[in-house]
Amino acid sequence: MGARISLRPVAAEDGEEFVALARASVSMHRGLIFAPTVAEEFGEYLARFDGVNAIGFVVRVNATRRLAGLVNINQIERQTSDPRGSLGYGGFAATSGHGYVAEAVRLAVPYAFEELGLTRLDAYIQPANTPSRRVVEEAGFRPVASDRQIIRVDGESREHERWTLTSGNGGT
């Protein structure tokens, strides 16, 4: 739990509120992240988080208990000399601009390193997505200049920069 928000594993009972907020945030998310906007998509989204290879959280505002966003740790690789995961996150239009997602990412980092035993977290960000860059910069991530990837979002291929944080580099 943070000062203003709490992270908890995403669950079926989050579905209705999550879908409604994602639907209201389509123009904000378009081309940046996937957030399910119908119940069937939410069920598929929820099924991705097996607790081994991927973990999904919802971000709740402590004062109101309203849903403010999501944080995921995906592509978890533990069976290597460098256990790692990929960080995903996003907010909803109704609570955008309050720093809730940035606070949530700062809570997820120690969880990834201390609870999951990861030594590296990567975040993939589209170069023009300034708010997302700010979130990872505030959490201590650094860009990997030589590593750009193409990731499909909303059915389109988009260039992403890799930002990384290691447990010995400000992560814990």
Protein backbone atom coordinates (compact mmCIF):
# COMPACT_ATOMS: atom_id res chain seq x y z
CA MET A 1 0.00 0.00 0.00
CA GLY A 2 1.24 3.43 -0.91
CA ALA A 3 0.38 6.82 0.50
CA ARG A 4 -2.47 7.38 -1.98
CA ILE A 5 -2.99 4.10 -3.80
CA SER A 6 -2.99 0.35 -3.27
CA LEU A 7 -2.03 -2.48 -5.59
CA ARG A 8 -3.85 -5.77 -5.45
CA PRO A 9 -4.09 -8.71 -7.85
CA VAL A 10 -6.68 -8.18 -10.55
CA ALA A 11 -9.75 -10.36 -9.99
CA ALA A 12 -13.03 -11.21 -11.67
CA GLU A 13 -14.93 -8.79 -9.42
CA ASP A 14 -12.94 -5.91 -10.96
CA GLY A 15 -14.36 -6.67 -14.39
CA GLU A 16 -17.39 -4.41 -14.60
CA GLU A 17 -15.63 -1.30 -13.25
CA PHE A 18 -12.44 -2.04 -15.24
CA VAL A 19 -14.30 -2.49 -18.53
CA ALA A 20 -16.38 0.67 -18.01
CA LEU A 21 -13.29 2.75 -17.26
CA ALA A 22 -11.35 1.24 -20.17
CA ARG A 23 -14.25 2.00 -22.50
CA ALA A 24 -14.31 5.61 -21.29
CA SER A 25 -10.52 5.78 -21.86
CA VAL A 26 -10.36 4.40 -25.41
CA SER A 27 -9.21 7.69 -26.94
CA MET A 28 -6.47 8.01 -24.32
CA HIS A 29 -5.27 4.39 -24.75
CA ARG A 30 -5.58 4.13 -28.54
CA GLY A 31 -2.36 2.78 -29.96
CA LEU A 32 -0.57 2.86 -26.60
CA ILE A 33 -1.92 -0.03 -24.52
CA PHE A 34 -4.56 -2.71 -24.68
CA ALA A 35 -7.22 -2.47 -21.99
CA PRO A 36 -10.30 -4.70 -22.34
CA THR A 37 -13.49 -2.81 -23.15
CA VAL A 38 -15.94 -5.72 -23.08
CA ALA A 39 -16.52 -8.52 -20.55
CA GLU A 40 -15.20 -11.27 -22.84
CA GLU A 41 -11.91 -9.40 -23.37
CA PHE A 42 -11.64 -8.87 -19.61
CA GLY A 43 -11.99 -12.63 -19.05
CA GLU A 44 -9.15 -13.27 -21.53
CA TYR A 45 -7.09 -10.49 -19.91
CA LEU A 46 -7.60 -12.00 -16.47
CA ALA A 47 -6.65 -15.49 -17.68
CA ARG A 48 -3.20 -14.21 -18.78
CA PHE A 49 -2.17 -13.70 -15.17
CA ASP A 50 -1.19 -17.16 -13.95
CA GLY A 51 0.99 -15.93 -11.07
CA VAL A 52 4.03 -17.62 -12.63
CA ASN A 53 4.64 -16.10 -16.05
CA ALA A 54 2.55 -12.97 -15.57
CA ILE A 55 1.06 -11.08 -12.63
CA GLY A 56 -1.59 -8.40 -12.99
CA PHE A 57 -2.57 -5.75 -10.48
CA VAL A 58 -5.27 -3.14 -10.28
CA VAL A 59 -4.50 0.29 -8.85
CA ARG A 60 -7.07 1.58 -6.38
CA VAL A 61 -7.24 5.06 -4.85
CA ASN A 62 -7.13 4.60 -1.07
CA ALA A 63 -9.50 7.49 -0.30
CA THR A 64 -12.28 6.42 -2.68
CA ARG A 65 -11.51 2.72 -3.44
CA ARG A 66 -12.07 3.62 -7.12
CA LEU A 67 -10.05 1.90 -9.79
CA ALA A 68 -7.33 4.18 -11.21
CA GLY A 69 -5.23 1.91 -13.39
CA LEU A 70 -3.32 -1.28 -13.92
CA VAL A 71 0.22 -2.59 -13.49
CA ASN A 72 1.40 -5.90 -14.91
CA ILE A 73 4.61 -7.87 -14.73
CA ASN A 74 4.69 -10.05 -17.85
CA GLN A 75 7.10 -12.41 -19.57
CA ILE A 76 8.57 -13.44 -16.23
CA GLU A 77 11.72 -15.52 -16.70
CA ARG A 78 13.02 -17.04 -13.49
CA GLN A 79 15.06 -19.97 -14.82
CA THR A 80 17.99 -17.84 -16.03
CA SER A 81 21.08 -16.32 -14.47
CA ASP A 82 19.31 -12.95 -14.90
CA PRO A 83 15.67 -13.41 -13.74
CA ARG A 84 13.60 -10.71 -15.41
CA GLY A 85 10.16 -9.48 -16.34
CA SER A 86 8.47 -6.90 -18.50
CA LEU A 87 6.51 -4.10 -16.86
CA GLY A 88 3.23 -2.86 -18.30
CA TYR A 89 1.03 -0.13 -16.87
CA GLY A 90 -1.72 2.30 -17.67
CA GLY A 91 -4.25 4.62 -16.15
CA PHE A 92 -7.83 5.55 -16.86
CA ALA A 93 -9.09 8.90 -18.14
CA ALA A 94 -11.21 9.50 -15.03
CA THR A 95 -8.12 9.69 -12.80
CA SER A 96 -5.46 10.71 -15.31
CA GLY A 97 -2.93 13.34 -14.29
CA HIS A 98 -2.91 12.59 -10.55
CA GLY A 99 0.26 10.47 -10.50
CA TYR A 100 -1.53 7.31 -9.33
CA VAL A 101 0.06 5.08 -11.97
CA ALA A 102 3.53 6.48 -11.26
CA GLU A 103 3.04 5.67 -7.57
CA ALA A 104 1.81 2.19 -8.50
CA VAL A 105 4.89 1.52 -10.63
CA ARG A 106 7.11 2.59 -7.73
CA LEU A 107 5.28 0.02 -5.55
CA ALA A 108 5.55 -2.72 -8.18
CA VAL A 109 9.33 -2.41 -8.52
CA PRO A 110 10.23 -3.66 -5.00
CA TYR A 111 7.57 -6.36 -5.35
CA ALA A 112 9.25 -7.59 -8.55
CA PHE A 113 12.71 -7.60 -7.01
CA GLU A 114 11.99 -8.68 -3.44
CA GLU A 115 8.91 -10.91 -3.74
CA LEU A 116 9.43 -12.37 -7.20
CA GLY A 117 13.23 -12.48 -7.00
CA LEU A 118 13.72 -10.76 -10.35
CA THR A 119 16.96 -8.89 -11.01
CA ARG A 120 15.77 -6.84 -14.00
CA LEU A 121 12.57 -5.16 -15.15
CA ASP A 122 12.10 -3.86 -18.68
CA ALA A 123 9.46 -1.41 -19.86
CA TYR A 124 8.74 -0.85 -23.56
CA ILE A 125 7.60 2.67 -24.39
CA GLN A 126 6.72 4.39 -27.64
CA PRO A 127 9.20 7.27 -28.14
CA ALA A 128 6.52 9.98 -28.32
CA ASN A 129 4.70 8.80 -25.17
CA THR A 130 6.06 11.46 -22.81
CA PRO A 131 3.78 10.65 -19.82
CA SER A 132 4.85 7.00 -19.90
CA ARG A 133 8.52 7.95 -20.14
CA ARG A 134 8.08 10.20 -17.10
CA VAL A 135 6.59 7.30 -15.10
CA VAL A 136 9.59 5.04 -15.66
CA GLU A 137 12.13 7.84 -15.23
CA GLU A 138 10.63 8.65 -11.81
CA ALA A 139 10.91 4.96 -10.88
CA GLY A 140 14.62 4.91 -11.78
CA PHE A 141 14.49 3.16 -15.17
CA ARG A 142 17.08 4.10 -17.79
CA PRO A 143 16.76 3.88 -21.59
CA VAL A 144 18.67 1.21 -23.47
CA ALA A 145 19.67 3.29 -26.49
CA SER A 146 20.57 0.41 -28.76
CA ASP A 147 17.42 -1.63 -28.16
CA ARG A 148 14.28 -0.67 -30.07
CA GLN A 149 11.55 -3.19 -30.74
CA ILE A 150 8.42 -3.40 -32.81
CA ILE A 151 5.38 -4.35 -30.71
CA ARG A 152 1.83 -4.76 -31.99
CA VAL A 153 -0.76 -2.57 -30.24
CA ASP A 154 -4.35 -2.39 -31.46
CA GLY A 155 -3.37 -4.50 -34.45
CA GLU A 156 -0.65 -2.10 -35.62
CA SER A 157 3.13 -2.47 -35.37
CA ARG A 158 4.67 0.33 -33.33
CA GLU A 159 8.26 1.13 -32.43
CA HIS A 160 9.11 0.96 -28.73
CA GLU A 161 12.20 1.87 -26.73
CA ARG A 162 13.36 -0.46 -23.98
CA TRP A 163 13.85 1.09 -20.56
CA THR A 164 15.38 -1.06 -17.84
CA LEU A 165 15.93 -1.15 -14.12
CA THR A 166 18.07 -3.68 -12.29
CA SER A 167 17.90 -4.63 -8.63
CA GLY A 168 21.42 -3.29 -8.10
CA ASN A 169 20.69 -0.03 -9.95
CA GLY A 170 18.17 1.77 -7.78
CA GLY A 171 15.55 -0.99 -7.84
CA THR A 172 16.12 -2.02 -4.21
